[in-house]
Amino acid sequence: MVIAPPLHRRLGSLLYDWLVADAVVLLVVAIFSLITTAAPGLSHRRSILLAVCFLTLGGYFIYCWVNGQTLAMRVWRMRIEDANGRPLTPGRACVRYVLAWVWIAPPLALVAALKSFGLAGASMLEASAGAVFMWAIVWSALSLLRADRQFWHDALAGTRLVPA
């Protein structure tokens, strides 16, 4: 059994990847805004932008994971492989990408639901940031329940983080 890198390194890598993802999304939003300014009547602009961001981030992470590491994983000295120690296939990387949204989607869905019922008192940004932070603590702590210390979304995807 291969034990995952220490939790602080995995969370450091996650934070670093989050910064890289923010930069990628900002670039996508800027380019999308420049392009769609010429089409003011474009309906569903927000939905299209969200889809483009989701697909662009997916392309970035899937490409990096198929090649073994993101930039953050290099810095924090870890790599990703499948459960048998082989490089990820594009299909397995896609599954991991979708499952990795468990870091973000549940707390944002909760905040949106509370907001729609008028129960979220703080601003949407503050409530979302707080919910994501609290959920990240819970989700990362759940990895300590596993003997191999892997995150649960990795176990479900058939992937694992290993020291590089």
C-alpha atoms as a PDB file:
ATOM      1  CA  MET A   1       0.000   0.000   0.000  1.00  0.00           C
ATOM      2  CA  VAL A   2       1.312   3.415  -0.993  1.00  0.00           C
ATOM      3  CA  ILE A   3       0.708   6.128   1.594  1.00  0.00           C
ATOM      4  CA  ALA A   4      -0.252   9.574   0.279  1.00  0.00           C
ATOM      5  CA  PRO A   5       2.092  12.520   0.843  1.00  0.00           C
ATOM      6  CA  PRO A   6       1.455  14.338   4.144  1.00  0.00           C
ATOM      7  CA  LEU A   7      -1.801  16.267   4.345  1.00  0.00           C
ATOM      8  CA  HIS A   8      -0.079  19.651   4.637  1.00  0.00           C
ATOM      9  CA  ARG A   9       1.743  19.042   1.331  1.00  0.00           C
ATOM     10  CA  ARG A  10      -1.437  17.939  -0.428  1.00  0.00           C
ATOM     11  CA  LEU A  11      -3.313  20.991   0.873  1.00  0.00           C
ATOM     12  CA  GLY A  12      -0.400  23.263  -0.087  1.00  0.00           C
ATOM     13  CA  SER A  13      -0.532  21.827  -3.585  1.00  0.00           C
ATOM     14  CA  LEU A  14      -4.299  22.307  -3.666  1.00  0.00           C
ATOM     15  CA  LEU A  15      -3.967  25.962  -2.686  1.00  0.00           C
ATOM     16  CA  TYR A  16      -1.258  26.507  -5.315  1.00  0.00           C
ATOM     17  CA  ASP A  17      -3.431  24.803  -7.964  1.00  0.00           C
ATOM     18  CA  TRP A  18      -6.316  27.035  -6.892  1.00  0.00           C
ATOM     19  CA  LEU A  19      -4.180  30.118  -7.638  1.00  0.00           C
ATOM     20  CA  VAL A  20      -3.221  28.730 -11.045  1.00  0.00           C
ATOM     21  CA  ALA A  21      -6.881  27.920 -11.756  1.00  0.00           C
ATOM     22  CA  ASP A  22      -7.858  31.473 -10.777  1.00  0.00           C
ATOM     23  CA  ALA A  23      -5.343  32.856 -13.266  1.00  0.00           C
ATOM     24  CA  VAL A  24      -6.659  30.562 -15.999  1.00  0.00           C
ATOM     25  CA  VAL A  25     -10.265  31.570 -15.274  1.00  0.00           C
ATOM     26  CA  LEU A  26      -9.373  35.283 -15.279  1.00  0.00           C
ATOM     27  CA  LEU A  27      -7.756  34.874 -18.690  1.00  0.00           C
ATOM     28  CA  VAL A  28     -10.788  32.978 -20.016  1.00  0.00           C
ATOM     29  CA  VAL A  29     -13.171  35.642 -18.670  1.00  0.00           C
ATOM     30  CA  ALA A  30     -11.102  38.427 -20.229  1.00  0.00           C
ATOM     31  CA  ILE A  31     -11.003  36.747 -23.641  1.00  0.00           C
ATOM     32  CA  PHE A  32     -14.695  35.803 -23.435  1.00  0.00           C
ATOM     33  CA  SER A  33     -15.619  39.374 -22.512  1.00  0.00           C
ATOM     34  CA  LEU A  34     -13.651  40.780 -25.445  1.00  0.00           C
ATOM     35  CA  ILE A  35     -15.288  38.366 -27.860  1.00  0.00           C
ATOM     36  CA  THR A  36     -18.850  38.730 -26.578  1.00  0.00           C
ATOM     37  CA  THR A  37     -18.717  42.520 -26.416  1.00  0.00           C
ATOM     38  CA  ALA A  38     -19.199  42.415 -30.175  1.00  0.00           C
ATOM     39  CA  ALA A  39     -22.379  40.344 -29.686  1.00  0.00           C
ATOM     40  CA  PRO A  40     -24.462  42.287 -27.151  1.00  0.00           C
ATOM     41  CA  GLY A  41     -27.622  40.304 -27.914  1.00  0.00           C
ATOM     42  CA  LEU A  42     -26.027  36.979 -26.973  1.00  0.00           C
ATOM     43  CA  SER A  43     -28.442  35.192 -24.674  1.00  0.00           C
ATOM     44  CA  HIS A  44     -27.318  32.871 -21.893  1.00  0.00           C
ATOM     45  CA  ARG A  45     -23.932  34.622 -21.774  1.00  0.00           C
ATOM     46  CA  ARG A  46     -23.323  33.615 -18.145  1.00  0.00           C
ATOM     47  CA  SER A  47     -24.121  29.944 -18.781  1.00  0.00           C
ATOM     48  CA  ILE A  48     -21.822  29.878 -21.780  1.00  0.00           C
ATOM     49  CA  LEU A  49     -19.022  31.513 -19.782  1.00  0.00           C
ATOM     50  CA  LEU A  50     -19.403  28.994 -16.951  1.00  0.00           C
ATOM     51  CA  ALA A  51     -19.266  26.114 -19.429  1.00  0.00           C
ATOM     52  CA  VAL A  52     -16.176  27.562 -21.135  1.00  0.00           C
ATOM     53  CA  CYS A  53     -14.452  28.001 -17.747  1.00  0.00           C
ATOM     54  CA  PHE A  54     -15.370  24.449 -16.677  1.00  0.00           C
ATOM     55  CA  LEU A  55     -14.064  22.974 -19.933  1.00  0.00           C
ATOM     56  CA  THR A  56     -10.887  25.090 -19.933  1.00  0.00           C
ATOM     57  CA  LEU A  57     -10.038  24.111 -16.355  1.00  0.00           C
ATOM     58  CA  GLY A  58     -10.824  20.514 -17.245  1.00  0.00           C
ATOM     59  CA  GLY A  59      -8.462  20.673 -20.200  1.00  0.00           C
ATOM     60  CA  TYR A  60      -5.678  22.119 -18.053  1.00  0.00           C
ATOM     61  CA  PHE A  61      -6.006  19.598 -15.218  1.00  0.00           C
ATOM     62  CA  ILE A  62      -6.609  16.579 -17.437  1.00  0.00           C
ATOM     63  CA  TYR A  63      -3.555  17.428 -19.555  1.00  0.00           C
ATOM     64  CA  CYS A  64      -1.391  17.855 -16.449  1.00  0.00           C
ATOM     65  CA  TRP A  65      -2.654  14.711 -14.724  1.00  0.00           C
ATOM     66  CA  VAL A  66      -2.163  12.556 -17.825  1.00  0.00           C
ATOM     67  CA  ASN A  67       1.427  13.826 -17.803  1.00  0.00           C
ATOM     68  CA  GLY A  68       1.764  13.029 -14.087  1.00  0.00           C
ATOM     69  CA  GLN A  69       1.816  16.412 -12.354  1.00  0.00           C
ATOM     70  CA  THR A  70       0.394  19.897 -12.240  1.00  0.00           C
ATOM     71  CA  LEU A  71       2.761  22.783 -11.618  1.00  0.00           C
ATOM     72  CA  ALA A  72       1.734  22.716  -7.953  1.00  0.00           C
ATOM     73  CA  MET A  73       2.410  18.988  -7.683  1.00  0.00           C
ATOM     74  CA  ARG A  74       5.947  19.567  -8.971  1.00  0.00           C
ATOM     75  CA  VAL A  75       6.560  22.266  -6.378  1.00  0.00           C
ATOM     76  CA  TRP A  76       5.147  20.140  -3.549  1.00  0.00           C
ATOM     77  CA  ARG A  77       6.977  17.004  -4.774  1.00  0.00           C
ATOM     78  CA  MET A  78       4.125  14.667  -5.599  1.00  0.00           C
ATOM     79  CA  ARG A  79       2.633  13.065  -8.656  1.00  0.00           C
ATOM     80  CA  ILE A  80      -0.591  11.360  -9.638  1.00  0.00           C
ATOM     81  CA  GLU A  81      -0.991   7.818 -10.867  1.00  0.00           C
ATOM     82  CA  ASP A  82      -3.721   5.231 -11.135  1.00  0.00           C
ATOM     83  CA  ALA A  83      -4.314   2.662  -8.408  1.00  0.00           C
ATOM     84  CA  ASN A  84      -1.853   0.276 -10.120  1.00  0.00           C
ATOM     85  CA  GLY A  85       0.978   2.822 -10.318  1.00  0.00           C
ATOM     86  CA  ARG A  86       0.552   3.642 -14.007  1.00  0.00           C
ATOM     87  CA  PRO A  87       0.079   7.089 -15.584  1.00  0.00           C
ATOM     88  CA  LEU A  88      -3.516   8.251 -15.832  1.00  0.00           C
ATOM     89  CA  THR A  89      -5.449   7.702 -19.014  1.00  0.00           C
ATOM     90  CA  PRO A  90      -7.432  10.692 -20.303  1.00  0.00           C
ATOM     91  CA  GLY A  91     -10.656   8.934 -19.299  1.00  0.00           C
ATOM     92  CA  ARG A  92      -9.520   8.354 -15.709  1.00  0.00           C
ATOM     93  CA  ALA A  93      -8.267  11.952 -15.544  1.00  0.00           C
ATOM     94  CA  CYS A  94     -11.729  13.129 -16.685  1.00  0.00           C
ATOM     95  CA  VAL A  95     -13.382  11.077 -13.945  1.00  0.00           C
ATOM     96  CA  ARG A  96     -10.995  12.549 -11.375  1.00  0.00           C
ATOM     97  CA  TYR A  97     -11.717  16.069 -12.636  1.00  0.00           C
ATOM     98  CA  VAL A  98     -15.468  15.637 -12.225  1.00  0.00           C
ATOM     99  CA  LEU A  99     -15.101  13.987  -8.811  1.00  0.00           C
ATOM    100  CA  ALA A 100     -12.653  16.675  -7.645  1.00  0.00           C
ATOM    101  CA  TRP A 101     -15.493  19.192  -7.827  1.00  0.00           C
ATOM    102  CA  VAL A 102     -16.555  17.735  -4.462  1.00  0.00           C
ATOM    103  CA  TRP A 103     -14.123  20.297  -2.993  1.00  0.00           C
ATOM    104  CA  ILE A 104     -16.258  23.177  -4.304  1.00  0.00           C
ATOM    105  CA  ALA A 105     -19.741  22.110  -5.408  1.00  0.00           C
ATOM    106  CA  PRO A 106     -21.384  20.977  -2.117  1.00  0.00           C
ATOM    107  CA  PRO A 107     -20.673  24.151  -0.112  1.00  0.00           C
ATOM    108  CA  LEU A 108     -21.616  26.414  -3.018  1.00  0.00           C
ATOM    109  CA  ALA A 109     -24.852  24.487  -3.537  1.00  0.00           C
ATOM    110  CA  LEU A 110     -25.630  24.836   0.166  1.00  0.00           C
ATOM    111  CA  VAL A 111     -24.990  28.592   0.122  1.00  0.00           C
ATOM    112  CA  ALA A 112     -27.121  28.999  -3.016  1.00  0.00           C
ATOM    113  CA  ALA A 113     -29.952  27.025  -1.416  1.00  0.00           C
ATOM    114  CA  LEU A 114     -29.763  29.060   1.791  1.00  0.00           C
ATOM    115  CA  LYS A 115     -29.681  32.278  -0.225  1.00  0.00           C
ATOM    116  CA  SER A 116     -32.717  31.248  -2.271  1.00  0.00           C
ATOM    117  CA  PHE A 117     -34.667  30.682   0.951  1.00  0.00           C
ATOM    118  CA  GLY A 118     -33.429  33.986   2.386  1.00  0.00           C
ATOM    119  CA  LEU A 119     -31.440  32.234   5.116  1.00  0.00           C
ATOM    120  CA  ALA A 120     -27.909  33.384   4.213  1.00  0.00           C
ATOM    121  CA  GLY A 121     -27.304  36.572   6.182  1.00  0.00           C
ATOM    122  CA  ALA A 122     -23.794  37.386   4.978  1.00  0.00           C
ATOM    123  CA  SER A 123     -22.969  38.481   1.469  1.00  0.00           C
ATOM    124  CA  MET A 124     -22.831  35.702  -1.098  1.00  0.00           C
ATOM    125  CA  LEU A 125     -19.030  36.013  -1.437  1.00  0.00           C
ATOM    126  CA  GLU A 126     -18.412  35.819   2.316  1.00  0.00           C
ATOM    127  CA  ALA A 127     -20.848  32.955   2.771  1.00  0.00           C
ATOM    128  CA  SER A 128     -19.364  31.042  -0.158  1.00  0.00           C
ATOM    129  CA  ALA A 129     -15.777  31.515   0.995  1.00  0.00           C
ATOM    130  CA  GLY A 130     -16.635  30.475   4.526  1.00  0.00           C
ATOM    131  CA  ALA A 131     -18.568  27.421   3.375  1.00  0.00           C
ATOM    132  CA  VAL A 132     -15.790  26.303   1.009  1.00  0.00           C
ATOM    133  CA  PHE A 133     -13.161  26.768   3.740  1.00  0.00           C
ATOM    134  CA  MET A 134     -15.144  24.797   6.326  1.00  0.00           C
ATOM    135  CA  TRP A 135     -15.957  22.049   3.823  1.00  0.00           C
ATOM    136  CA  ALA A 136     -12.282  21.809   2.777  1.00  0.00           C
ATOM    137  CA  ILE A 137     -11.339  21.178   6.403  1.00  0.00           C
ATOM    138  CA  VAL A 138     -13.973  18.458   6.734  1.00  0.00           C
ATOM    139  CA  TRP A 139     -13.236  16.849   3.350  1.00  0.00           C
ATOM    140  CA  SER A 140      -9.470  16.798   3.877  1.00  0.00           C
ATOM    141  CA  ALA A 141      -9.853  15.431   7.418  1.00  0.00           C
ATOM    142  CA  LEU A 142     -11.945  12.559   6.040  1.00  0.00           C
ATOM    143  CA  SER A 143      -8.841  11.337   4.196  1.00  0.00           C
ATOM    144  CA  LEU A 144      -7.343  10.538   7.603  1.00  0.00           C
ATOM    145  CA  LEU A 145      -9.975   7.807   7.979  1.00  0.00           C
ATOM    146  CA  ARG A 146      -8.362   5.871   5.117  1.00  0.00           C
ATOM    147  CA  ALA A 147      -5.344   3.662   5.783  1.00  0.00           C
ATOM    148  CA  ASP A 148      -3.568   5.024   2.692  1.00  0.00           C
ATOM    149  CA  ARG A 149      -4.538   8.641   3.560  1.00  0.00           C
ATOM    150  CA  GLN A 150      -5.773   9.297   0.000  1.00  0.00           C
ATOM    151  CA  PHE A 151      -8.597  11.739  -0.580  1.00  0.00           C
ATOM    152  CA  TRP A 152     -11.937  10.009  -1.108  1.00  0.00           C
ATOM    153  CA  HIS A 153     -12.430  11.450  -4.594  1.00  0.00           C
ATOM    154  CA  ASP A 154      -9.092   9.874  -5.582  1.00  0.00           C
ATOM    155  CA  ALA A 155     -10.172   6.517  -4.189  1.00  0.00           C
ATOM    156  CA  LEU A 156     -13.445   6.724  -6.130  1.00  0.00           C
ATOM    157  CA  ALA A 157     -11.612   7.764  -9.316  1.00  0.00           C
ATOM    158  CA  GLY A 158      -9.058   4.955  -8.997  1.00  0.00           C
ATOM    159  CA  THR A 159      -6.201   7.434  -8.641  1.00  0.00           C
ATOM    160  CA  ARG A 160      -3.669   8.227  -5.945  1.00  0.00           C
ATOM    161  CA  LEU A 161      -1.217  10.939  -5.041  1.00  0.00           C
ATOM    162  CA  VAL A 162       2.275   9.632  -4.330  1.00  0.00           C
ATOM    163  CA  PRO A 163       5.560  11.287  -3.342  1.00  0.00           C
ATOM    164  CA  ALA A 164       7.622  12.298  -6.385  1.00  0.00           C
END
